[in-house]
Amino acid sequence: MPDRFERYRELLDSLSEVTPVVTDIEPRVAADGPVRAISCIGFPEPQYITGFTYGLSLANHPDWGGRARELCITVRSSEVEWSRIPARIVAALRGICPFNSGQVLGYKEPYVASSPMSSVALAAPASERIPPVLDLDGDHIEMIGVYPIFASERELAYSRGFDALWGLTWDRFDPLRTPAA
């Protein structure tokens, strides 16, 4: 397993061309393996931060069709905590949630103190520099993008469907924006 993590991290290093900060996140079930937040400050460009997870791909889910998944988030912010949100979600829901594109997830409180956002939408990765599937020497990992949203936007997706939320005009990189719904 350490070798797999190192290969994954090397691949992310080559994509981002920055030295990441790796943070271990305590998983709900320790026996399921580690959960790590990989924070790339200044990627895909200055004043942005991108966070990748490691640990979701250690689990299996019937929705995945045999292909492993990991999450990634890209926001315009200098707050490193935004990059750790996907790993915190994985640590809590790995083995329970399918993490499908078009899904919204909520939390009981804001993810980061500077923003009231307490939910996320899952879709394709935000940055075009992140391929939808990473090839880790034949081990294919599908990347699912994470977008912070407000509880009101989550409720819109629950009541009218994901496309109703995704069709609104909102800055998907700005975690300090006003609600779109």
Protein backbone atom coordinates (compact mmCIF):
# COMPACT_ATOMS: atom_id res chain seq x y z
CA MET A 1 0.00 0.00 0.00
CA PRO A 2 2.79 2.56 0.72
CA ASP A 3 4.16 1.94 -2.79
CA ARG A 4 0.72 2.62 -4.31
CA PHE A 5 0.41 5.89 -2.40
CA GLU A 6 3.88 6.96 -3.53
CA ARG A 7 3.05 6.20 -7.18
CA TYR A 8 -0.22 8.14 -6.84
CA ARG A 9 1.55 11.08 -5.24
CA GLU A 10 4.26 11.08 -7.94
CA LEU A 11 1.55 11.20 -10.61
CA LEU A 12 -0.15 14.13 -8.85
CA ASP A 13 3.23 15.87 -8.47
CA SER A 14 3.79 15.59 -12.23
CA LEU A 15 0.31 17.03 -12.92
CA SER A 16 0.53 19.93 -10.49
CA GLU A 17 4.25 20.71 -10.63
CA VAL A 18 4.08 21.84 -6.98
CA THR A 19 5.23 20.16 -3.80
CA PRO A 20 2.06 19.04 -2.01
CA VAL A 21 1.29 19.10 1.68
CA VAL A 22 0.02 15.68 2.84
CA THR A 23 -2.26 15.47 5.88
CA ASP A 24 -3.51 12.24 7.43
CA ILE A 25 -7.22 12.33 8.26
CA GLU A 26 -8.59 9.92 10.84
CA PRO A 27 -10.95 7.47 9.10
CA ARG A 28 -14.27 6.33 10.52
CA VAL A 29 -13.02 2.73 10.28
CA ALA A 30 -9.24 2.46 10.74
CA ALA A 31 -9.15 -1.09 9.35
CA ASP A 32 -10.24 0.27 5.94
CA GLY A 33 -6.84 1.91 5.48
CA PRO A 34 -5.53 5.46 5.53
CA VAL A 35 -7.25 8.61 4.34
CA ARG A 36 -4.99 11.43 3.23
CA ALA A 37 -5.53 14.98 2.02
CA ILE A 38 -3.00 16.04 -0.61
CA SER A 39 -2.99 19.85 -0.84
CA CYS A 40 -1.45 21.53 -3.88
CA ILE A 41 -1.08 25.25 -3.14
CA GLY A 42 -0.90 27.43 -6.25
CA PHE A 43 -2.38 24.78 -8.55
CA PRO A 44 -3.77 25.06 -11.20
CA GLU A 45 -2.57 28.65 -11.00
CA PRO A 46 -1.52 31.19 -8.36
CA GLN A 47 -4.17 32.03 -5.74
CA TYR A 48 -5.88 28.67 -6.20
CA ILE A 49 -5.60 25.54 -4.11
CA THR A 50 -6.41 22.00 -5.16
CA GLY A 51 -6.92 19.09 -2.82
CA PHE A 52 -6.85 15.43 -3.72
CA THR A 53 -7.87 12.49 -1.59
CA TYR A 54 -6.10 9.22 -1.10
CA GLY A 55 -7.96 6.39 0.55
CA LEU A 56 -11.31 6.26 -1.23
CA SER A 57 -9.78 4.03 -3.91
CA LEU A 58 -8.92 1.49 -1.20
CA ALA A 59 -12.66 0.75 -0.90
CA ASN A 60 -15.08 -0.79 -3.37
CA HIS A 61 -18.63 0.15 -4.29
CA PRO A 62 -21.01 -1.56 -6.76
CA ASP A 63 -21.65 1.77 -8.56
CA TRP A 64 -18.00 2.03 -9.59
CA GLY A 65 -17.98 -0.81 -12.10
CA GLY A 66 -14.58 -2.06 -10.97
CA ARG A 67 -12.81 1.31 -11.31
CA ALA A 68 -11.52 2.97 -8.15
CA ARG A 69 -12.34 6.61 -7.29
CA GLU A 70 -10.70 9.55 -5.57
CA LEU A 71 -12.00 13.08 -5.03
CA CYS A 72 -10.50 16.47 -5.86
CA ILE A 73 -11.45 20.08 -5.13
CA THR A 74 -10.17 23.31 -6.69
CA VAL A 75 -11.01 26.68 -5.18
CA ARG A 76 -9.73 30.23 -5.40
CA SER A 77 -8.51 30.62 -1.84
CA SER A 78 -5.42 30.67 0.32
CA GLU A 79 -7.14 28.65 3.09
CA VAL A 80 -5.59 25.17 3.06
CA GLU A 81 -8.59 23.76 4.94
CA TRP A 82 -10.66 23.89 1.72
CA SER A 83 -8.28 21.35 0.17
CA ARG A 84 -8.88 18.94 3.06
CA ILE A 85 -12.69 18.87 2.78
CA PRO A 86 -12.84 15.94 0.31
CA ALA A 87 -10.60 13.82 2.55
CA ARG A 88 -12.76 14.64 5.57
CA ILE A 89 -15.81 13.52 3.59
CA VAL A 90 -14.07 10.31 2.49
CA ALA A 91 -13.00 9.61 6.08
CA ALA A 92 -16.64 9.85 7.20
CA LEU A 93 -18.44 8.16 4.27
CA ARG A 94 -16.02 5.69 2.66
CA GLY A 95 -17.78 2.35 2.22
CA ILE A 96 -21.21 3.97 2.65
CA CYS A 97 -21.49 6.58 -0.11
CA PRO A 98 -20.95 5.84 -3.83
CA PHE A 99 -19.50 9.33 -4.56
CA ASN A 100 -21.25 9.55 -7.95
CA SER A 101 -21.11 12.58 -10.22
CA GLY A 102 -24.43 14.39 -9.93
CA GLN A 103 -24.71 13.71 -6.21
CA VAL A 104 -24.91 16.33 -3.45
CA LEU A 105 -23.85 15.74 0.14
CA GLY A 106 -24.55 17.81 3.23
CA TYR A 107 -22.87 18.34 6.56
CA LYS A 108 -24.30 19.63 9.83
CA GLU A 109 -22.03 22.70 10.04
CA PRO A 110 -19.86 24.84 7.74
CA TYR A 111 -16.74 23.12 6.40
CA VAL A 112 -14.52 26.18 6.90
CA ALA A 113 -14.97 28.96 9.47
CA SER A 114 -14.79 31.75 6.87
CA SER A 115 -17.77 30.46 4.85
CA PRO A 116 -21.29 29.21 5.69
CA MET A 117 -21.05 26.50 2.99
CA SER A 118 -21.95 23.13 4.47
CA SER A 119 -22.56 20.96 1.42
CA VAL A 120 -20.84 19.77 -1.72
CA ALA A 121 -21.82 18.85 -5.26
CA LEU A 122 -19.97 16.09 -7.09
CA ALA A 123 -19.17 16.40 -10.81
CA ALA A 124 -16.20 16.29 -13.18
CA PRO A 125 -12.95 17.82 -11.87
CA ALA A 126 -12.92 21.62 -12.01
CA SER A 127 -9.51 22.03 -13.59
CA GLU A 128 -8.88 20.88 -17.15
CA ARG A 129 -5.38 19.96 -15.96
CA ILE A 130 -6.85 17.08 -13.93
CA PRO A 131 -7.73 14.14 -16.18
CA PRO A 132 -11.05 12.40 -15.49
CA VAL A 133 -9.17 9.11 -15.08
CA LEU A 134 -5.63 8.70 -13.75
CA ASP A 135 -3.63 5.71 -14.92
CA LEU A 136 -1.50 4.46 -12.07
CA ASP A 137 0.42 1.75 -13.98
CA GLY A 138 -2.78 0.03 -15.08
CA ASP A 139 -4.62 0.87 -11.86
CA HIS A 140 -7.27 3.29 -13.19
CA ILE A 141 -8.62 5.86 -10.73
CA GLU A 142 -11.63 7.96 -11.69
CA MET A 143 -11.37 11.53 -10.38
CA ILE A 144 -14.59 13.07 -9.03
CA GLY A 145 -14.69 16.84 -8.58
CA VAL A 146 -16.00 18.36 -5.35
CA TYR A 147 -17.69 21.79 -5.37
CA PRO A 148 -18.62 23.57 -2.12
CA ILE A 149 -22.24 24.72 -2.07
CA PHE A 150 -24.76 26.20 0.35
CA ALA A 151 -27.44 24.18 2.14
CA SER A 152 -30.09 26.06 0.10
CA GLU A 153 -28.41 24.90 -3.11
CA ARG A 154 -28.27 21.32 -1.81
CA GLU A 155 -32.01 21.52 -1.08
CA LEU A 156 -32.63 22.76 -4.64
CA ALA A 157 -30.77 19.73 -6.00
CA TYR A 158 -32.77 17.41 -3.72
CA SER A 159 -36.11 18.93 -4.72
CA ARG A 160 -35.57 19.68 -8.44
CA GLY A 161 -32.60 17.51 -9.37
CA PHE A 162 -28.88 18.03 -9.80
CA ASP A 163 -29.26 19.69 -13.22
CA ALA A 164 -31.36 22.48 -11.66
CA LEU A 165 -28.42 23.33 -9.40
CA TRP A 166 -25.73 22.82 -12.01
CA GLY A 167 -27.63 24.98 -14.50
CA LEU A 168 -27.56 28.04 -12.23
CA THR A 169 -24.95 30.72 -12.77
CA TRP A 170 -22.38 30.55 -9.97
CA ASP A 171 -18.62 30.76 -9.67
CA ARG A 172 -17.60 27.17 -9.03
CA PHE A 173 -14.15 28.28 -7.81
CA ASP A 174 -15.30 30.88 -5.24
CA PRO A 175 -15.99 29.47 -1.76
CA LEU A 176 -16.92 32.98 -0.51
CA ARG A 177 -19.62 33.69 -3.12
CA THR A 178 -23.25 34.42 -2.31
CA PRO A 179 -25.83 31.64 -2.67
CA ALA A 180 -27.22 31.02 -6.15
CA ALA A 181 -30.43 29.53 -4.73
